[in-house]
Amino acid sequence: MPRILGIYDLPGKTAAAITQIRARGYTEIITYAPAPFEEVEDAVDPKPSGVRLYTLIGGLAGVITGYAITVWMANNWQMVIGGKPFSSIPPYTIIAFELTILFGGLMTALGFFIKGKMLRFKQHDVYHPRFSAEDFGVVVTCQSRDVPELESLLRAHGAMEVTLVES
């Protein structure tokens, strides 16, 4: 399937083009930007990131682990403490809190790499170093019959350059 690369100089033009492309029903869009720009990110994917689910799962696993391991240790290796209960929850809250932060942070990092597709070991074939310096790139995968429509759409939104990339 062919891919079309549009190169822009401003984030506003890039976001407008992406919004129009998504409105036409194209979903396979890759963007390149020299820095994070909120309007471009919102145009590509307007819904919230799925990374927060990883954070929630990590946090819940941490709090459950924190309480479970401390209660298990207190009941398994009992100390005579003058008639007080072996498993007292308030002192274990500190350990549960710390493990919540630890597991939540680790799972957030893992979710960031998975959801952000950061585990690639090679560059895309359409990447150009100028996307890290000053320009914005929008790559759209489409059918062969849609190439002229997408080219005109990208040019209408102020693309400096439009290139057809065969894949």
N, C-alpha and C. Protein backbone atom coordinates (compact mmCIF):
# COMPACT_ATOMS: atom_id res chain seq x y z
N MET A 1 0.84 -1.18 0.00
CA MET A 1 0.00 0.00 0.00
C MET A 1 0.89 1.24 0.00
N PRO A 2 0.55 2.21 -0.79
CA PRO A 2 1.37 3.42 -0.85
C PRO A 2 1.20 4.28 0.40
N ARG A 3 2.23 5.05 0.66
CA ARG A 3 2.20 6.01 1.76
C ARG A 3 2.55 7.38 1.19
N ILE A 4 1.90 8.39 1.74
CA ILE A 4 2.16 9.75 1.30
C ILE A 4 2.77 10.53 2.46
N LEU A 5 3.86 11.23 2.16
CA LEU A 5 4.56 12.03 3.16
C LEU A 5 4.34 13.50 2.85
N GLY A 6 3.78 14.22 3.82
CA GLY A 6 3.61 15.66 3.70
C GLY A 6 4.52 16.34 4.71
N ILE A 7 5.23 17.38 4.28
CA ILE A 7 6.16 18.08 5.15
C ILE A 7 5.64 19.50 5.39
N TYR A 8 5.56 19.88 6.67
CA TYR A 8 5.02 21.17 7.07
C TYR A 8 6.05 21.94 7.89
N ASP A 9 5.83 23.27 7.96
CA ASP A 9 6.74 24.10 8.74
C ASP A 9 6.13 24.60 10.04
N LEU A 10 4.80 24.51 10.19
CA LEU A 10 4.15 25.00 11.40
C LEU A 10 3.25 23.92 12.02
N PRO A 11 3.16 23.89 13.35
CA PRO A 11 2.32 22.86 13.98
C PRO A 11 0.83 23.07 13.72
N GLY A 12 0.39 24.30 13.56
CA GLY A 12 -1.02 24.56 13.29
C GLY A 12 -1.47 23.97 11.96
N LYS A 13 -0.64 24.14 10.94
CA LYS A 13 -0.95 23.57 9.62
C LYS A 13 -0.95 22.04 9.69
N THR A 14 0.01 21.51 10.42
CA THR A 14 0.10 20.06 10.57
C THR A 14 -1.13 19.50 11.25
N ALA A 15 -1.56 20.14 12.33
CA ALA A 15 -2.74 19.69 13.07
C ALA A 15 -4.00 19.78 12.22
N ALA A 16 -4.13 20.86 11.44
CA ALA A 16 -5.30 21.01 10.57
C ALA A 16 -5.35 19.91 9.51
N ALA A 17 -4.20 19.60 8.94
CA ALA A 17 -4.14 18.54 7.93
C ALA A 17 -4.48 17.18 8.55
N ILE A 18 -3.95 16.90 9.71
CA ILE A 18 -4.22 15.62 10.37
C ILE A 18 -5.70 15.50 10.72
N THR A 19 -6.29 16.58 11.21
CA THR A 19 -7.72 16.56 11.56
C THR A 19 -8.56 16.26 10.33
N GLN A 20 -8.22 16.88 9.21
CA GLN A 20 -8.97 16.65 7.96
C GLN A 20 -8.77 15.22 7.46
N ILE A 21 -7.56 14.71 7.58
CA ILE A 21 -7.27 13.34 7.13
C ILE A 21 -8.06 12.34 7.98
N ARG A 22 -8.08 12.55 9.30
CA ARG A 22 -8.84 11.65 10.18
C ARG A 22 -10.34 11.75 9.89
N ALA A 23 -10.82 12.94 9.54
CA ALA A 23 -12.24 13.13 9.22
C ALA A 23 -12.62 12.36 7.96
N ARG A 24 -11.67 12.17 7.07
CA ARG A 24 -11.93 11.40 5.84
C ARG A 24 -11.87 9.90 6.06
N GLY A 25 -11.48 9.46 7.26
CA GLY A 25 -11.51 8.03 7.59
C GLY A 25 -10.17 7.32 7.56
N TYR A 26 -9.09 8.04 7.40
CA TYR A 26 -7.77 7.42 7.41
C TYR A 26 -7.28 7.31 8.84
N THR A 27 -6.82 6.13 9.21
CA THR A 27 -6.41 5.91 10.60
C THR A 27 -4.92 5.62 10.74
N GLU A 28 -4.27 5.17 9.69
CA GLU A 28 -2.84 4.85 9.77
C GLU A 28 -2.03 6.10 9.45
N ILE A 29 -1.81 6.91 10.50
CA ILE A 29 -1.11 8.18 10.38
C ILE A 29 0.10 8.16 11.31
N ILE A 30 1.25 8.50 10.78
CA ILE A 30 2.47 8.62 11.57
C ILE A 30 2.92 10.07 11.46
N THR A 31 3.27 10.67 12.60
CA THR A 31 3.74 12.05 12.58
C THR A 31 5.15 12.14 13.13
N TYR A 32 5.87 13.10 12.64
CA TYR A 32 7.21 13.42 13.12
C TYR A 32 7.22 14.90 13.48
N ALA A 33 7.79 15.23 14.63
CA ALA A 33 7.84 16.63 15.06
C ALA A 33 9.16 16.88 15.79
N PRO A 34 9.67 18.10 15.68
CA PRO A 34 10.93 18.41 16.37
C PRO A 34 10.77 18.50 17.89
N ALA A 35 9.57 18.73 18.35
CA ALA A 35 9.28 18.82 19.79
C ALA A 35 7.81 18.45 19.98
N PRO A 36 7.40 18.12 21.20
CA PRO A 36 5.99 17.81 21.41
C PRO A 36 5.12 19.07 21.31
N PHE A 37 4.11 19.00 20.48
CA PHE A 37 3.14 20.08 20.34
C PHE A 37 1.76 19.50 20.61
N GLU A 38 1.06 20.12 21.55
CA GLU A 38 -0.22 19.57 22.00
C GLU A 38 -1.25 19.50 20.89
N GLU A 39 -1.30 20.51 20.03
CA GLU A 39 -2.32 20.49 18.98
C GLU A 39 -2.08 19.35 17.98
N VAL A 40 -0.82 19.03 17.71
CA VAL A 40 -0.52 17.91 16.80
C VAL A 40 -0.88 16.59 17.46
N GLU A 41 -0.52 16.43 18.73
CA GLU A 41 -0.83 15.18 19.44
C GLU A 41 -2.33 14.97 19.56
N ASP A 42 -3.08 16.06 19.84
CA ASP A 42 -4.53 15.94 19.95
C ASP A 42 -5.18 15.64 18.60
N ALA A 43 -4.59 16.14 17.53
CA ALA A 43 -5.14 15.86 16.21
C ALA A 43 -4.93 14.40 15.82
N VAL A 44 -3.79 13.83 16.20
CA VAL A 44 -3.51 12.43 15.86
C VAL A 44 -4.39 11.50 16.67
N ASP A 45 -4.46 11.72 17.96
CA ASP A 45 -5.23 10.84 18.82
C ASP A 45 -5.90 11.67 19.92
N PRO A 46 -7.18 12.04 19.73
CA PRO A 46 -7.82 12.94 20.68
C PRO A 46 -8.19 12.30 22.02
N LYS A 47 -8.23 10.99 22.09
CA LYS A 47 -8.62 10.35 23.35
C LYS A 47 -7.42 10.26 24.30
N PRO A 48 -7.67 10.11 25.60
CA PRO A 48 -6.56 10.04 26.57
C PRO A 48 -5.68 8.83 26.33
N SER A 49 -4.47 8.93 26.79
CA SER A 49 -3.49 7.86 26.62
C SER A 49 -3.87 6.63 27.44
N GLY A 50 -3.51 5.48 26.94
CA GLY A 50 -3.77 4.23 27.65
C GLY A 50 -2.71 3.92 28.70
N VAL A 51 -1.71 4.80 28.84
CA VAL A 51 -0.65 4.58 29.81
C VAL A 51 -1.21 4.62 31.23
N ARG A 52 -2.25 5.42 31.45
CA ARG A 52 -2.79 5.53 32.80
C ARG A 52 -3.37 4.22 33.31
N LEU A 53 -3.79 3.33 32.42
CA LEU A 53 -4.26 2.01 32.84
C LEU A 53 -3.10 1.20 33.42
N TYR A 54 -1.93 1.31 32.80
CA TYR A 54 -0.74 0.64 33.33
C TYR A 54 -0.41 1.17 34.73
N THR A 55 -0.53 2.49 34.91
CA THR A 55 -0.26 3.09 36.21
C THR A 55 -1.24 2.58 37.27
N LEU A 56 -2.51 2.49 36.90
CA LEU A 56 -3.52 1.99 37.84
C LEU A 56 -3.24 0.54 38.23
N ILE A 57 -2.94 -0.28 37.25
CA ILE A 57 -2.66 -1.70 37.53
C ILE A 57 -1.42 -1.82 38.42
N GLY A 58 -0.38 -1.05 38.12
CA GLY A 58 0.83 -1.08 38.93
C GLY A 58 0.58 -0.60 40.35
N GLY A 59 -0.20 0.46 40.50
CA GLY A 59 -0.51 0.97 41.83
C GLY A 59 -1.32 -0.01 42.65
N LEU A 60 -2.33 -0.62 42.03
CA LEU A 60 -3.14 -1.60 42.75
C LEU A 60 -2.30 -2.83 43.12
N ALA A 61 -1.45 -3.27 42.21
CA ALA A 61 -0.57 -4.40 42.52
C ALA A 61 0.37 -4.06 43.67
N GLY A 62 0.84 -2.81 43.71
CA GLY A 62 1.73 -2.38 44.78
C GLY A 62 1.06 -2.35 46.13
N VAL A 63 -0.15 -1.79 46.20
CA VAL A 63 -0.84 -1.72 47.50
C VAL A 63 -1.23 -3.11 47.99
N ILE A 64 -1.67 -3.96 47.09
CA ILE A 64 -2.03 -5.33 47.48
C ILE A 64 -0.78 -6.08 47.95
N THR A 65 0.31 -5.93 47.21
CA THR A 65 1.56 -6.59 47.60
C THR A 65 2.06 -6.07 48.94
N GLY A 66 1.99 -4.75 49.13
CA GLY A 66 2.46 -4.16 50.37
C GLY A 66 1.73 -4.69 51.59
N TYR A 67 0.41 -4.73 51.52
CA TYR A 67 -0.35 -5.25 52.66
C TYR A 67 -0.19 -6.77 52.79
N ALA A 68 -0.23 -7.47 51.69
CA ALA A 68 -0.16 -8.94 51.74
C ALA A 68 1.17 -9.43 52.31
N ILE A 69 2.26 -8.84 51.85
CA ILE A 69 3.56 -9.34 52.31
C ILE A 69 3.81 -9.01 53.78
N THR A 70 3.35 -7.83 54.24
CA THR A 70 3.57 -7.49 55.65
C THR A 70 2.68 -8.30 56.58
N VAL A 71 1.43 -8.51 56.18
CA VAL A 71 0.54 -9.34 57.00
C VAL A 71 1.04 -10.78 57.02
N TRP A 72 1.48 -11.27 55.89
CA TRP A 72 2.00 -12.65 55.82
C TRP A 72 3.22 -12.81 56.73
N MET A 73 4.16 -11.85 56.66
CA MET A 73 5.36 -11.95 57.49
C MET A 73 5.02 -11.84 58.98
N ALA A 74 4.08 -10.95 59.34
CA ALA A 74 3.73 -10.80 60.75
C ALA A 74 3.06 -12.06 61.29
N ASN A 75 2.28 -12.74 60.48
CA ASN A 75 1.59 -13.95 60.94
C ASN A 75 2.48 -15.19 60.84
N ASN A 76 3.45 -15.17 59.95
CA ASN A 76 4.32 -16.33 59.78
C ASN A 76 5.43 -16.35 60.83
N TRP A 77 5.98 -15.19 61.15
CA TRP A 77 7.04 -15.09 62.16
C TRP A 77 6.52 -14.23 63.32
N GLN A 78 5.69 -14.82 64.15
CA GLN A 78 5.03 -14.06 65.20
C GLN A 78 6.00 -13.71 66.33
N MET A 79 5.83 -12.48 66.79
CA MET A 79 6.61 -12.00 67.93
C MET A 79 5.64 -11.74 69.08
N VAL A 80 6.03 -12.06 70.27
CA VAL A 80 5.19 -11.80 71.43
C VAL A 80 5.24 -10.29 71.69
N ILE A 81 4.08 -9.67 71.58
CA ILE A 81 4.03 -8.21 71.71
C ILE A 81 2.99 -7.77 72.74
N GLY A 82 2.80 -8.55 73.76
CA GLY A 82 1.97 -8.16 74.89
C GLY A 82 0.49 -8.10 74.62
N GLY A 83 -0.06 -9.05 73.91
CA GLY A 83 -1.50 -9.11 73.70
C GLY A 83 -2.02 -8.27 72.55
N LYS A 84 -1.15 -7.58 71.84
CA LYS A 84 -1.59 -6.78 70.69
C LYS A 84 -1.77 -7.70 69.49
N PRO A 85 -2.60 -7.31 68.53
CA PRO A 85 -2.79 -8.18 67.35
C PRO A 85 -1.50 -8.28 66.53
N PHE A 86 -1.29 -9.44 65.95
CA PHE A 86 -0.10 -9.64 65.13
C PHE A 86 -0.15 -8.82 63.84
N SER A 87 -1.33 -8.76 63.26
CA SER A 87 -1.49 -8.04 61.99
C SER A 87 -2.24 -6.74 62.24
N SER A 88 -1.52 -5.69 62.44
CA SER A 88 -2.10 -4.37 62.65
C SER A 88 -1.88 -3.56 61.37
N ILE A 89 -2.95 -3.14 60.75
CA ILE A 89 -2.89 -2.51 59.43
C ILE A 89 -2.20 -1.13 59.44
N PRO A 90 -2.44 -0.22 60.39
CA PRO A 90 -1.86 1.13 60.28
C PRO A 90 -0.34 1.18 60.05
N PRO A 91 0.48 0.39 60.75
CA PRO A 91 1.91 0.52 60.46
C PRO A 91 2.30 -0.03 59.08
N TYR A 92 1.48 -0.90 58.54
CA TYR A 92 1.80 -1.49 57.23
C TYR A 92 1.40 -0.57 56.08
N THR A 93 0.66 0.48 56.38
CA THR A 93 0.23 1.41 55.34
C THR A 93 1.42 2.11 54.69
N ILE A 94 2.45 2.38 55.46
CA ILE A 94 3.64 3.04 54.91
C ILE A 94 4.29 2.15 53.85
N ILE A 95 4.43 0.88 54.15
CA ILE A 95 5.04 -0.06 53.20
C ILE A 95 4.15 -0.20 51.96
N ALA A 96 2.82 -0.30 52.18
CA ALA A 96 1.90 -0.41 51.05
C ALA A 96 1.96 0.84 50.17
N PHE A 97 2.06 2.01 50.79
CA PHE A 97 2.17 3.25 50.03
C PHE A 97 3.44 3.28 49.19
N GLU A 98 4.55 2.92 49.79
CA GLU A 98 5.82 2.93 49.07
C GLU A 98 5.81 1.95 47.90
N LEU A 99 5.25 0.77 48.09
CA LEU A 99 5.17 -0.19 46.99
C LEU A 99 4.18 0.26 45.92
N THR A 100 3.15 0.99 46.33
CA THR A 100 2.22 1.56 45.34
C THR A 100 2.96 2.52 44.42
N ILE A 101 3.78 3.39 45.00
CA ILE A 101 4.55 4.35 44.20
C ILE A 101 5.56 3.62 43.32
N LEU A 102 6.26 2.64 43.87
CA LEU A 102 7.27 1.90 43.11
C LEU A 102 6.65 1.15 41.94
N PHE A 103 5.65 0.33 42.22
CA PHE A 103 5.03 -0.47 41.16
C PHE A 103 4.31 0.42 40.14
N GLY A 104 3.65 1.47 40.62
CA GLY A 104 2.98 2.39 39.70
C GLY A 104 3.96 3.07 38.77
N GLY A 105 5.10 3.49 39.30
CA GLY A 105 6.11 4.14 38.46
C GLY A 105 6.73 3.20 37.45
N LEU A 106 7.04 1.99 37.88
CA LEU A 106 7.62 1.02 36.95
C LEU A 106 6.64 0.63 35.85
N MET A 107 5.37 0.44 36.22
CA MET A 107 4.37 0.09 35.21
C MET A 107 4.08 1.26 34.28
N THR A 108 4.18 2.49 34.78
CA THR A 108 4.01 3.66 33.92
C THR A 108 5.11 3.71 32.87
N ALA A 109 6.34 3.45 33.28
CA ALA A 109 7.46 3.44 32.33
C ALA A 109 7.26 2.33 31.29
N LEU A 110 6.84 1.16 31.75
CA LEU A 110 6.59 0.06 30.82
C LEU A 110 5.46 0.41 29.85
N GLY A 111 4.38 0.97 30.37
CA GLY A 111 3.26 1.38 29.52
C GLY A 111 3.65 2.46 28.53
N PHE A 112 4.52 3.37 28.95
CA PHE A 112 5.00 4.42 28.05
C PHE A 112 5.73 3.82 26.86
N PHE A 113 6.59 2.84 27.13
CA PHE A 113 7.34 2.23 26.03
C PHE A 113 6.45 1.36 25.14
N ILE A 114 5.48 0.68 25.72
CA ILE A 114 4.60 -0.18 24.93
C ILE A 114 3.62 0.65 24.12
N LYS A 115 2.89 1.55 24.76
CA LYS A 115 1.88 2.35 24.07
C LYS A 115 2.49 3.36 23.10
N GLY A 116 3.67 3.85 23.42
CA GLY A 116 4.34 4.80 22.55
C GLY A 116 5.10 4.13 21.43
N LYS A 117 5.08 2.80 21.39
CA LYS A 117 5.79 2.03 20.36
C LYS A 117 7.25 2.46 20.30
N MET A 118 7.86 2.58 21.48
CA MET A 118 9.24 3.04 21.57
C MET A 118 10.24 1.90 21.47
N LEU A 119 9.78 0.70 21.35
CA LEU A 119 10.68 -0.45 21.35
C LEU A 119 11.13 -0.84 19.93
N ARG A 120 11.10 0.12 19.01
CA ARG A 120 11.58 -0.14 17.66
C ARG A 120 13.10 -0.01 17.64
N PHE A 121 13.73 -0.86 16.86
CA PHE A 121 15.19 -0.84 16.80
C PHE A 121 15.72 -0.28 15.49
N LYS A 122 14.84 0.15 14.61
CA LYS A 122 15.27 0.77 13.36
C LYS A 122 14.34 1.93 13.03
N GLN A 123 14.86 2.88 12.29
CA GLN A 123 14.08 4.05 11.89
C GLN A 123 13.09 3.67 10.79
N HIS A 124 12.01 4.42 10.70
CA HIS A 124 11.13 4.26 9.55
C HIS A 124 11.87 4.68 8.29
N ASP A 125 11.51 4.13 7.18
CA ASP A 125 12.20 4.47 5.94
C ASP A 125 11.86 5.87 5.45
N VAL A 126 10.82 6.51 5.96
CA VAL A 126 10.46 7.85 5.53
C VAL A 126 11.01 8.93 6.46
N TYR A 127 11.64 8.54 7.56
CA TYR A 127 12.18 9.52 8.49
C TYR A 127 13.33 10.29 7.87
N HIS A 128 13.36 11.58 8.14
CA HIS A 128 14.46 12.43 7.68
C HIS A 128 14.95 13.24 8.87
N PRO A 129 16.27 13.47 9.00
CA PRO A 129 16.78 14.21 10.16
C PRO A 129 16.19 15.61 10.34
N ARG A 130 15.67 16.20 9.30
CA ARG A 130 15.11 17.55 9.47
C ARG A 130 13.83 17.55 10.30
N PHE A 131 13.22 16.36 10.49
CA PHE A 131 12.05 16.28 11.37
C PHE A 131 12.45 16.46 12.83
N SER A 132 13.70 16.28 13.15
CA SER A 132 14.18 16.51 14.51
C SER A 132 14.69 17.93 14.69
N ALA A 133 14.79 18.69 13.61
CA ALA A 133 15.35 20.03 13.69
C ALA A 133 14.27 21.11 13.60
N GLU A 134 13.46 21.10 12.53
CA GLU A 134 12.55 22.22 12.33
C GLU A 134 11.24 21.87 11.64
N ASP A 135 11.18 20.81 10.89
CA ASP A 135 9.98 20.51 10.10
C ASP A 135 9.13 19.43 10.74
N PHE A 136 7.88 19.37 10.29
CA PHE A 136 6.92 18.37 10.75
C PHE A 136 6.61 17.44 9.58
N GLY A 137 6.50 16.15 9.86
CA GLY A 137 6.17 15.19 8.82
C GLY A 137 4.89 14.45 9.15
N VAL A 138 4.06 14.24 8.13
CA VAL A 138 2.83 13.47 8.28
C VAL A 138 2.85 12.38 7.22
N VAL A 139 2.80 11.12 7.65
CA VAL A 139 2.79 9.98 6.74
C VAL A 139 1.44 9.30 6.84
N VAL A 140 0.77 9.15 5.70
CA VAL A 140 -0.55 8.53 5.67
C VAL A 140 -0.49 7.30 4.77
N THR A 141 -0.94 6.17 5.28
CA THR A 141 -1.05 4.95 4.48
C THR A 141 -2.45 4.91 3.89
N CYS A 142 -2.52 4.67 2.57
CA CYS A 142 -3.82 4.70 1.91
C CYS A 142 -3.85 3.68 0.77
N GLN A 143 -4.97 3.60 0.11
CA GLN A 143 -5.11 2.78 -1.09
C GLN A 143 -4.58 3.56 -2.29
N SER A 144 -4.26 2.85 -3.35
CA SER A 144 -3.70 3.51 -4.54
C SER A 144 -4.69 4.50 -5.14
N ARG A 145 -5.97 4.20 -5.06
CA ARG A 145 -6.98 5.08 -5.66
C ARG A 145 -7.13 6.40 -4.88
N ASP A 146 -6.67 6.44 -3.63
CA ASP A 146 -6.83 7.62 -2.78
C ASP A 146 -5.63 8.56 -2.83
N VAL A 147 -4.60 8.22 -3.56
CA VAL A 147 -3.37 9.03 -3.59
C VAL A 147 -3.63 10.45 -4.08
N PRO A 148 -4.32 10.66 -5.21
CA PRO A 148 -4.54 12.05 -5.67
C PRO A 148 -5.34 12.88 -4.66
N GLU A 149 -6.33 12.27 -4.04
CA GLU A 149 -7.15 13.00 -3.06
C GLU A 149 -6.30 13.44 -1.87
N LEU A 150 -5.46 12.54 -1.36
CA LEU A 150 -4.63 12.88 -0.22
C LEU A 150 -3.56 13.91 -0.57
N GLU A 151 -2.99 13.79 -1.77
CA GLU A 151 -2.00 14.78 -2.20
C GLU A 151 -2.61 16.17 -2.23
N SER A 152 -3.79 16.29 -2.81
CA SER A 152 -4.44 17.61 -2.88
C SER A 152 -4.83 18.11 -1.49
N LEU A 153 -5.25 17.21 -0.62
CA LEU A 153 -5.62 17.59 0.73
C LEU A 153 -4.40 18.11 1.50
N LEU A 154 -3.27 17.41 1.39
CA LEU A 154 -2.05 17.85 2.07
C LEU A 154 -1.57 19.19 1.54
N ARG A 155 -1.63 19.37 0.24
CA ARG A 155 -1.20 20.64 -0.36
C ARG A 155 -2.16 21.78 0.02
N ALA A 156 -3.44 21.47 0.13
CA ALA A 156 -4.42 22.50 0.49
C ALA A 156 -4.19 23.03 1.91
N HIS A 157 -3.60 22.23 2.75
CA HIS A 157 -3.33 22.67 4.12
C HIS A 157 -1.92 23.23 4.29
N GLY A 158 -1.25 23.53 3.20
CA GLY A 158 0.01 24.24 3.26
C GLY A 158 1.27 23.38 3.35
N ALA A 159 1.23 22.18 2.79
CA ALA A 159 2.42 21.34 2.82
C ALA A 159 3.50 21.95 1.95
N MET A 160 4.72 21.99 2.47
CA MET A 160 5.85 22.50 1.68
C MET A 160 6.25 21.51 0.61
N GLU A 161 6.08 20.22 0.93
CA GLU A 161 6.51 19.15 0.03
C GLU A 161 5.59 17.94 0.26
N VAL A 162 5.18 17.30 -0.83
CA VAL A 162 4.37 16.07 -0.74
C VAL A 162 5.06 15.01 -1.58
N THR A 163 5.33 13.85 -0.98
CA THR A 163 6.07 12.79 -1.63
C THR A 163 5.31 11.49 -1.51
N LEU A 164 5.27 10.71 -2.59
CA LEU A 164 4.67 9.38 -2.57
C LEU A 164 5.76 8.38 -2.24
N VAL A 165 5.51 7.57 -1.21
CA VAL A 165 6.49 6.56 -0.77
C VAL A 165 5.86 5.20 -0.98
N GLU A 166 6.42 4.40 -1.86
CA GLU A 166 5.90 3.05 -2.09
C GLU A 166 6.40 2.13 -0.99
N SER A 167 5.54 1.21 -0.55
CA SER A 167 6.00 0.27 0.48
C SER A 167 5.76 -1.14 0.05
